[in-house]
């Protein structure tokens, strides 16, 4: 039973970190801090605009791969992985 608590604690910790990054990128960079980021240009476009339209998708795809890798590590750590 103690092993399952550790597993869920690690899993929820990972999800919490990923959701914070997701929120900061989607809501923060695309909406809240867009005016501040628009002072920086990336490829000729304001950075806030770029995050709102393209950059966030790249970050989200990277988060998917990061989540898959870290969940595999957590599963192996708690010996609940599939062969």
C-alpha atoms as a PDB file:
ATOM      1  CA  UNK A   1       0.000   0.000   0.000  1.00  0.00           C
ATOM      2  CA  UNK A   2       2.854   2.398   0.802  1.00  0.00           C
ATOM      3  CA  UNK A   3       4.318   1.760  -2.658  1.00  0.00           C
ATOM      4  CA  UNK A   4       1.076   2.852  -4.305  1.00  0.00           C
ATOM      5  CA  UNK A   5       1.055   6.122  -2.351  1.00  0.00           C
ATOM      6  CA  UNK A   6       4.566   6.881  -3.539  1.00  0.00           C
ATOM      7  CA  UNK A   7       3.620   6.032  -7.106  1.00  0.00           C
ATOM      8  CA  UNK A   8       0.587   8.329  -7.097  1.00  0.00           C
ATOM      9  CA  UNK A   9       2.527  11.064  -5.371  1.00  0.00           C
ATOM     10  CA  UNK A  10       5.201  10.933  -8.085  1.00  0.00           C
ATOM     11  CA  UNK A  11       2.561  10.786 -10.834  1.00  0.00           C
ATOM     12  CA  UNK A  12       0.571  13.732  -9.467  1.00  0.00           C
ATOM     13  CA  UNK A  13       3.770  15.717  -8.944  1.00  0.00           C
ATOM     14  CA  UNK A  14       4.681  15.202 -12.592  1.00  0.00           C
ATOM     15  CA  UNK A  15       1.178  16.159 -13.726  1.00  0.00           C
ATOM     16  CA  UNK A  16       1.254  19.255 -11.544  1.00  0.00           C
ATOM     17  CA  UNK A  17       4.548  20.438 -13.032  1.00  0.00           C
ATOM     18  CA  UNK A  18       3.331  19.801 -16.577  1.00  0.00           C
ATOM     19  CA  UNK A  19       0.052  21.642 -15.960  1.00  0.00           C
ATOM     20  CA  UNK A  20       1.903  24.660 -14.551  1.00  0.00           C
ATOM     21  CA  UNK A  21       4.094  24.797 -17.671  1.00  0.00           C
ATOM     22  CA  UNK A  22       1.017  24.333 -19.868  1.00  0.00           C
ATOM     23  CA  UNK A  23      -0.766  27.193 -18.089  1.00  0.00           C
ATOM     24  CA  UNK A  24       2.216  29.539 -18.264  1.00  0.00           C
ATOM     25  CA  UNK A  25       2.696  28.896 -21.977  1.00  0.00           C
ATOM     26  CA  UNK A  26      -0.935  28.939 -23.081  1.00  0.00           C
ATOM     27  CA  UNK A  27      -2.499  31.535 -20.821  1.00  0.00           C
ATOM     28  CA  UNK A  28       0.591  33.373 -19.637  1.00  0.00           C
ATOM     29  CA  UNK A  29       2.654  33.801 -22.815  1.00  0.00           C
ATOM     30  CA  UNK A  30      -0.327  33.921 -25.160  1.00  0.00           C
ATOM     31  CA  UNK A  31      -2.593  36.240 -23.163  1.00  0.00           C
ATOM     32  CA  UNK A  32      -1.296  37.687 -19.874  1.00  0.00           C
ATOM     33  CA  UNK A  33       2.256  38.561 -20.899  1.00  0.00           C
ATOM     34  CA  UNK A  34       1.599  39.049 -24.627  1.00  0.00           C
ATOM     35  CA  UNK A  35       2.101  42.813 -24.470  1.00  0.00           C
ATOM     36  CA  UNK A  36       5.463  42.422 -22.722  1.00  0.00           C
ATOM     37  CA  UNK A  37       6.581  39.669 -25.103  1.00  0.00           C
ATOM     38  CA  UNK A  38       5.489  41.608 -28.186  1.00  0.00           C
ATOM     39  CA  UNK A  39       8.507  43.877 -27.716  1.00  0.00           C
ATOM     40  CA  UNK A  40      10.678  40.926 -28.789  1.00  0.00           C
ATOM     41  CA  UNK A  41      10.617  39.820 -32.414  1.00  0.00           C
ATOM     42  CA  UNK A  42      11.011  36.197 -33.538  1.00  0.00           C
ATOM     43  CA  UNK A  43      11.196  35.675 -37.286  1.00  0.00           C
ATOM     44  CA  UNK A  44       9.775  39.151 -37.830  1.00  0.00           C
ATOM     45  CA  UNK A  45       6.714  38.504 -35.650  1.00  0.00           C
ATOM     46  CA  UNK A  46       6.063  39.706 -32.092  1.00  0.00           C
ATOM     47  CA  UNK A  47       6.931  36.960 -29.595  1.00  0.00           C
ATOM     48  CA  UNK A  48       3.529  37.135 -27.857  1.00  0.00           C
ATOM     49  CA  UNK A  49       1.776  36.596 -31.186  1.00  0.00           C
ATOM     50  CA  UNK A  50       4.161  33.749 -32.042  1.00  0.00           C
ATOM     51  CA  UNK A  51       3.488  31.974 -28.726  1.00  0.00           C
ATOM     52  CA  UNK A  52      -0.259  32.387 -29.096  1.00  0.00           C
ATOM     53  CA  UNK A  53      -0.296  30.932 -32.605  1.00  0.00           C
ATOM     54  CA  UNK A  54       2.646  28.556 -33.024  1.00  0.00           C
ATOM     55  CA  UNK A  55       5.056  28.467 -30.125  1.00  0.00           C
ATOM     56  CA  UNK A  56       2.587  26.990 -27.682  1.00  0.00           C
ATOM     57  CA  UNK A  57       2.001  24.009 -29.985  1.00  0.00           C
ATOM     58  CA  UNK A  58       5.726  23.226 -30.029  1.00  0.00           C
ATOM     59  CA  UNK A  59       5.859  23.420 -26.249  1.00  0.00           C
ATOM     60  CA  UNK A  60       2.770  21.180 -25.927  1.00  0.00           C
ATOM     61  CA  UNK A  61       4.286  18.530 -28.199  1.00  0.00           C
ATOM     62  CA  UNK A  62       7.511  18.668 -26.186  1.00  0.00           C
ATOM     63  CA  UNK A  63       5.438  18.245 -22.991  1.00  0.00           C
ATOM     64  CA  UNK A  64       3.825  15.093 -24.425  1.00  0.00           C
ATOM     65  CA  UNK A  65       7.217  13.500 -25.067  1.00  0.00           C
ATOM     66  CA  UNK A  66       8.522  14.651 -21.678  1.00  0.00           C
ATOM     67  CA  UNK A  67       5.458  13.181 -19.936  1.00  0.00           C
ATOM     68  CA  UNK A  68       5.828   9.839 -21.730  1.00  0.00           C
ATOM     69  CA  UNK A  69       9.523   9.608 -20.818  1.00  0.00           C
ATOM     70  CA  UNK A  70       9.049  10.594 -17.176  1.00  0.00           C
ATOM     71  CA  UNK A  71       6.022   8.297 -16.701  1.00  0.00           C
ATOM     72  CA  UNK A  72       8.114   5.426 -18.053  1.00  0.00           C
ATOM     73  CA  UNK A  73      10.809   6.313 -15.514  1.00  0.00           C
ATOM     74  CA  UNK A  74       8.252   6.472 -12.688  1.00  0.00           C
ATOM     75  CA  UNK A  75       6.697   3.151 -13.759  1.00  0.00           C
ATOM     76  CA  UNK A  76      10.123   1.474 -13.737  1.00  0.00           C
ATOM     77  CA  UNK A  77      11.002   3.051 -10.402  1.00  0.00           C
ATOM     78  CA  UNK A  78       7.886   1.574  -8.785  1.00  0.00           C
ATOM     79  CA  UNK A  79       8.029  -1.672 -10.806  1.00  0.00           C
ATOM     80  CA  UNK A  80       4.674  -1.247 -12.522  1.00  0.00           C
ATOM     81  CA  UNK A  81       6.053  -1.007 -16.055  1.00  0.00           C
ATOM     82  CA  UNK A  82       5.062  -3.199 -18.959  1.00  0.00           C
ATOM     83  CA  UNK A  83       7.620  -5.339 -20.740  1.00  0.00           C
END
